[in-house]
């Protein structure tokens, strides 16, 4: 899928997401949260995860270059990652 490289692919394979339709069915936010949970479970770092991952997922699901995502949506993804980082969960 567009915008997704080997690292993101490995994260999703680790949680059982193997096909594009599975990612589309989950949606951006839920897929991101499951990926984070998978990283925690597999003792992989999550502090470096940021809104760029959400941009990549959004672009993959909607077949857009991540730079074409509307600014309003980008701000929402930045807010989401900020809230998650400050929650202490990740």
N, C-alpha and C. Protein backbone atom coordinates (compact mmCIF):
# COMPACT_ATOMS: atom_id res chain seq x y z
N UNK A 1 0.84 -1.18 0.00
CA UNK A 1 0.00 0.00 0.00
C UNK A 1 0.89 1.25 0.00
N UNK A 2 0.34 2.27 -0.56
CA UNK A 2 1.04 3.54 -0.66
C UNK A 2 1.46 4.05 0.73
N UNK A 3 2.63 4.63 0.82
CA UNK A 3 3.18 5.26 2.03
C UNK A 3 3.68 4.30 3.10
N UNK A 4 3.46 3.00 2.95
CA UNK A 4 3.84 2.06 4.00
C UNK A 4 5.12 1.33 3.63
N UNK A 5 6.12 1.49 4.45
CA UNK A 5 7.39 0.84 4.22
C UNK A 5 7.52 -0.44 5.03
N UNK A 6 8.69 -1.06 4.97
CA UNK A 6 8.93 -2.34 5.63
C UNK A 6 8.73 -2.30 7.14
N UNK A 7 9.08 -1.20 7.79
CA UNK A 7 8.94 -1.12 9.24
C UNK A 7 7.47 -1.14 9.65
N UNK A 8 6.65 -0.36 8.96
CA UNK A 8 5.22 -0.34 9.26
C UNK A 8 4.60 -1.69 8.92
N UNK A 9 5.02 -2.26 7.81
CA UNK A 9 4.50 -3.58 7.42
C UNK A 9 4.81 -4.61 8.50
N UNK A 10 6.01 -4.60 9.04
CA UNK A 10 6.39 -5.54 10.09
C UNK A 10 5.54 -5.34 11.33
N UNK A 11 5.26 -4.08 11.67
CA UNK A 11 4.41 -3.80 12.83
C UNK A 11 3.03 -4.41 12.65
N UNK A 12 2.47 -4.29 11.46
CA UNK A 12 1.13 -4.82 11.23
C UNK A 12 1.12 -6.34 11.11
N UNK A 13 2.14 -6.90 10.51
CA UNK A 13 2.21 -8.36 10.46
C UNK A 13 2.27 -8.94 11.87
N UNK A 14 2.94 -8.23 12.78
CA UNK A 14 3.08 -8.70 14.16
C UNK A 14 1.73 -8.76 14.89
N UNK A 15 0.75 -7.99 14.42
CA UNK A 15 -0.57 -8.03 15.07
C UNK A 15 -1.60 -8.73 14.19
N UNK A 16 -1.14 -9.40 13.15
CA UNK A 16 -2.03 -10.20 12.32
C UNK A 16 -2.71 -9.48 11.19
N UNK A 17 -2.30 -8.26 10.89
CA UNK A 17 -2.87 -7.52 9.76
C UNK A 17 -1.97 -7.79 8.56
N UNK A 18 -2.47 -8.61 7.65
CA UNK A 18 -1.68 -9.04 6.50
C UNK A 18 -2.16 -8.47 5.17
N UNK A 19 -3.40 -8.00 5.15
CA UNK A 19 -4.00 -7.59 3.89
C UNK A 19 -4.54 -6.16 3.97
N UNK A 20 -4.55 -5.51 2.82
CA UNK A 20 -5.01 -4.12 2.76
C UNK A 20 -6.44 -3.98 3.27
N UNK A 21 -7.30 -4.93 2.97
CA UNK A 21 -8.69 -4.80 3.41
C UNK A 21 -8.79 -4.81 4.93
N UNK A 22 -7.87 -5.54 5.61
CA UNK A 22 -7.90 -5.56 7.07
C UNK A 22 -7.56 -4.17 7.63
N UNK A 23 -6.59 -3.54 7.04
CA UNK A 23 -6.21 -2.20 7.46
C UNK A 23 -7.34 -1.22 7.20
N UNK A 24 -7.96 -1.33 6.04
CA UNK A 24 -9.08 -0.45 5.71
C UNK A 24 -10.25 -0.67 6.66
N UNK A 25 -10.52 -1.93 7.00
CA UNK A 25 -11.62 -2.23 7.93
C UNK A 25 -11.37 -1.64 9.31
N UNK A 26 -10.12 -1.65 9.76
CA UNK A 26 -9.79 -1.09 11.07
C UNK A 26 -9.91 0.43 11.08
N UNK A 27 -9.51 1.06 10.01
CA UNK A 27 -9.46 2.51 9.98
C UNK A 27 -8.16 3.02 10.57
N UNK A 28 -7.87 4.26 10.36
CA UNK A 28 -6.58 4.85 10.72
C UNK A 28 -6.32 4.77 12.22
N UNK A 29 -7.22 5.33 13.02
CA UNK A 29 -6.98 5.44 14.45
C UNK A 29 -6.90 4.07 15.13
N UNK A 30 -7.83 3.20 14.83
CA UNK A 30 -7.85 1.87 15.46
C UNK A 30 -6.62 1.06 15.03
N UNK A 31 -6.26 1.14 13.77
CA UNK A 31 -5.07 0.43 13.30
C UNK A 31 -3.82 0.94 14.02
N UNK A 32 -3.73 2.24 14.19
CA UNK A 32 -2.60 2.85 14.89
C UNK A 32 -2.52 2.36 16.33
N UNK A 33 -3.66 2.37 17.03
CA UNK A 33 -3.68 1.92 18.42
C UNK A 33 -3.31 0.45 18.54
N UNK A 34 -3.81 -0.37 17.64
CA UNK A 34 -3.45 -1.80 17.67
C UNK A 34 -1.97 -1.98 17.39
N UNK A 35 -1.43 -1.19 16.49
CA UNK A 35 0.00 -1.27 16.18
C UNK A 35 0.82 -0.90 17.41
N UNK A 36 0.40 0.14 18.13
CA UNK A 36 1.11 0.53 19.35
C UNK A 36 1.04 -0.59 20.39
N UNK A 37 -0.13 -1.17 20.57
CA UNK A 37 -0.28 -2.25 21.53
C UNK A 37 0.60 -3.44 21.16
N UNK A 38 0.69 -3.73 19.87
CA UNK A 38 1.56 -4.80 19.40
C UNK A 38 3.02 -4.51 19.68
N UNK A 39 3.41 -3.27 19.51
CA UNK A 39 4.80 -2.89 19.79
C UNK A 39 5.11 -3.06 21.28
N UNK A 40 4.18 -2.64 22.13
CA UNK A 40 4.38 -2.80 23.57
C UNK A 40 4.50 -4.28 23.92
N UNK A 41 3.59 -5.08 23.39
CA UNK A 41 3.58 -6.52 23.67
C UNK A 41 4.90 -7.18 23.24
N UNK A 42 5.47 -6.70 22.14
CA UNK A 42 6.70 -7.27 21.61
C UNK A 42 7.96 -6.55 22.08
N UNK A 43 7.80 -5.72 23.12
CA UNK A 43 8.93 -4.98 23.69
C UNK A 43 9.68 -4.13 22.67
N UNK A 44 8.93 -3.52 21.76
CA UNK A 44 9.52 -2.61 20.78
C UNK A 44 9.25 -1.18 21.23
N UNK A 45 10.12 -0.25 20.90
CA UNK A 45 9.92 1.14 21.35
C UNK A 45 8.69 1.78 20.72
N UNK A 46 8.03 2.60 21.51
CA UNK A 46 6.87 3.33 21.01
C UNK A 46 7.05 4.84 21.13
N UNK A 47 8.03 5.31 21.85
CA UNK A 47 8.22 6.74 22.05
C UNK A 47 8.50 7.48 20.73
N UNK A 48 9.09 6.78 19.78
CA UNK A 48 9.41 7.44 18.51
C UNK A 48 8.22 7.48 17.56
N UNK A 49 7.13 6.84 17.94
CA UNK A 49 5.94 6.82 17.10
C UNK A 49 5.29 8.20 17.17
N UNK A 50 4.99 8.76 16.01
CA UNK A 50 4.39 10.09 15.99
C UNK A 50 3.32 10.20 14.90
N UNK A 51 2.84 11.40 14.69
CA UNK A 51 1.75 11.62 13.75
C UNK A 51 2.09 11.20 12.32
N UNK A 52 3.35 11.13 11.98
CA UNK A 52 3.74 10.71 10.63
C UNK A 52 3.21 9.29 10.34
N UNK A 53 3.19 8.44 11.35
CA UNK A 53 2.62 7.09 11.16
C UNK A 53 1.14 7.20 10.80
N UNK A 54 0.43 8.08 11.47
CA UNK A 54 -0.99 8.27 11.15
C UNK A 54 -1.16 8.83 9.75
N UNK A 55 -0.30 9.75 9.36
CA UNK A 55 -0.36 10.27 7.98
C UNK A 55 -0.16 9.14 6.97
N UNK A 56 0.82 8.29 7.24
CA UNK A 56 1.10 7.18 6.33
C UNK A 56 -0.09 6.23 6.24
N UNK A 57 -0.68 5.92 7.39
CA UNK A 57 -1.86 5.04 7.39
C UNK A 57 -3.02 5.67 6.65
N UNK A 58 -3.26 6.94 6.92
CA UNK A 58 -4.34 7.65 6.23
C UNK A 58 -4.13 7.61 4.72
N UNK A 59 -2.91 7.93 4.31
CA UNK A 59 -2.60 7.91 2.89
C UNK A 59 -2.76 6.53 2.28
N UNK A 60 -2.36 5.50 3.02
CA UNK A 60 -2.48 4.13 2.51
C UNK A 60 -3.95 3.74 2.35
N UNK A 61 -4.74 4.03 3.36
CA UNK A 61 -6.15 3.65 3.33
C UNK A 61 -6.92 4.42 2.26
N UNK A 62 -6.56 5.70 2.06
CA UNK A 62 -7.29 6.55 1.11
C UNK A 62 -6.56 6.74 -0.21
N UNK A 63 -5.47 6.00 -0.41
CA UNK A 63 -4.66 6.08 -1.63
C UNK A 63 -4.25 7.52 -1.96
N UNK A 64 -3.66 8.16 -0.94
CA UNK A 64 -3.18 9.53 -1.09
C UNK A 64 -1.71 9.60 -0.68
N UNK A 65 -1.00 10.50 -1.29
CA UNK A 65 0.32 10.82 -0.77
C UNK A 65 0.09 11.48 0.58
N UNK A 66 0.89 11.14 1.57
CA UNK A 66 0.66 11.67 2.92
C UNK A 66 0.71 13.19 2.97
N UNK A 67 1.42 13.80 2.03
CA UNK A 67 1.50 15.27 2.00
C UNK A 67 0.20 15.91 1.52
N UNK A 68 -0.70 15.11 0.93
CA UNK A 68 -1.96 15.64 0.42
C UNK A 68 -3.09 15.58 1.46
N UNK A 69 -2.80 15.07 2.64
CA UNK A 69 -3.82 15.00 3.69
C UNK A 69 -4.15 16.42 4.14
N UNK A 70 -5.43 16.73 4.26
CA UNK A 70 -5.82 18.09 4.67
C UNK A 70 -5.21 18.47 6.03
N UNK A 71 -4.85 19.74 6.16
CA UNK A 71 -4.23 20.23 7.38
C UNK A 71 -5.09 19.97 8.62
N UNK A 72 -6.38 20.09 8.49
CA UNK A 72 -7.27 19.83 9.63
C UNK A 72 -7.10 18.39 10.13
N UNK A 73 -6.99 17.45 9.22
CA UNK A 73 -6.80 16.05 9.61
C UNK A 73 -5.42 15.84 10.22
N UNK A 74 -4.42 16.49 9.67
CA UNK A 74 -3.08 16.40 10.23
C UNK A 74 -3.05 16.92 11.66
N UNK A 75 -3.74 18.01 11.90
CA UNK A 75 -3.79 18.56 13.27
C UNK A 75 -4.45 17.58 14.22
N UNK A 76 -5.51 16.92 13.76
CA UNK A 76 -6.19 15.92 14.59
C UNK A 76 -5.26 14.76 14.92
N UNK A 77 -4.47 14.32 13.95
CA UNK A 77 -3.52 13.23 14.19
C UNK A 77 -2.41 13.67 15.15
N UNK A 78 -1.95 14.90 15.01
CA UNK A 78 -0.93 15.42 15.95
C UNK A 78 -1.49 15.46 17.36
N UNK A 79 -2.73 15.90 17.48
CA UNK A 79 -3.36 15.96 18.80
C UNK A 79 -3.48 14.55 19.38
N UNK A 80 -3.89 13.60 18.57
CA UNK A 80 -4.03 12.22 19.05
C UNK A 80 -2.71 11.68 19.59
N UNK A 81 -1.63 11.88 18.85
CA UNK A 81 -0.34 11.36 19.31
C UNK A 81 0.14 12.11 20.54
N UNK A 82 -0.14 13.40 20.62
CA UNK A 82 0.22 14.18 21.80
C UNK A 82 -0.51 13.63 23.04
N UNK A 83 -1.80 13.40 22.90
CA UNK A 83 -2.60 12.87 24.01
C UNK A 83 -2.09 11.49 24.41
N UNK A 84 -1.80 10.64 23.44
CA UNK A 84 -1.29 9.30 23.76
C UNK A 84 0.05 9.36 24.48
N UNK A 85 0.95 10.20 24.02
CA UNK A 85 2.27 10.31 24.67
C UNK A 85 2.12 10.80 26.11
N UNK A 86 1.21 11.73 26.33
CA UNK A 86 1.02 12.28 27.68
C UNK A 86 0.16 11.40 28.58
N UNK A 87 -0.47 10.37 28.02
CA UNK A 87 -1.33 9.49 28.81
C UNK A 87 -0.55 8.54 29.71
N UNK A 88 0.71 8.30 29.35
CA UNK A 88 1.50 7.35 30.11
C UNK A 88 1.29 5.91 29.68
N UNK A 89 0.38 5.69 28.75
CA UNK A 89 0.11 4.33 28.26
C UNK A 89 1.18 3.86 27.29
N UNK A 90 1.77 4.81 26.56
CA UNK A 90 2.76 4.45 25.54
C UNK A 90 4.01 5.28 25.70
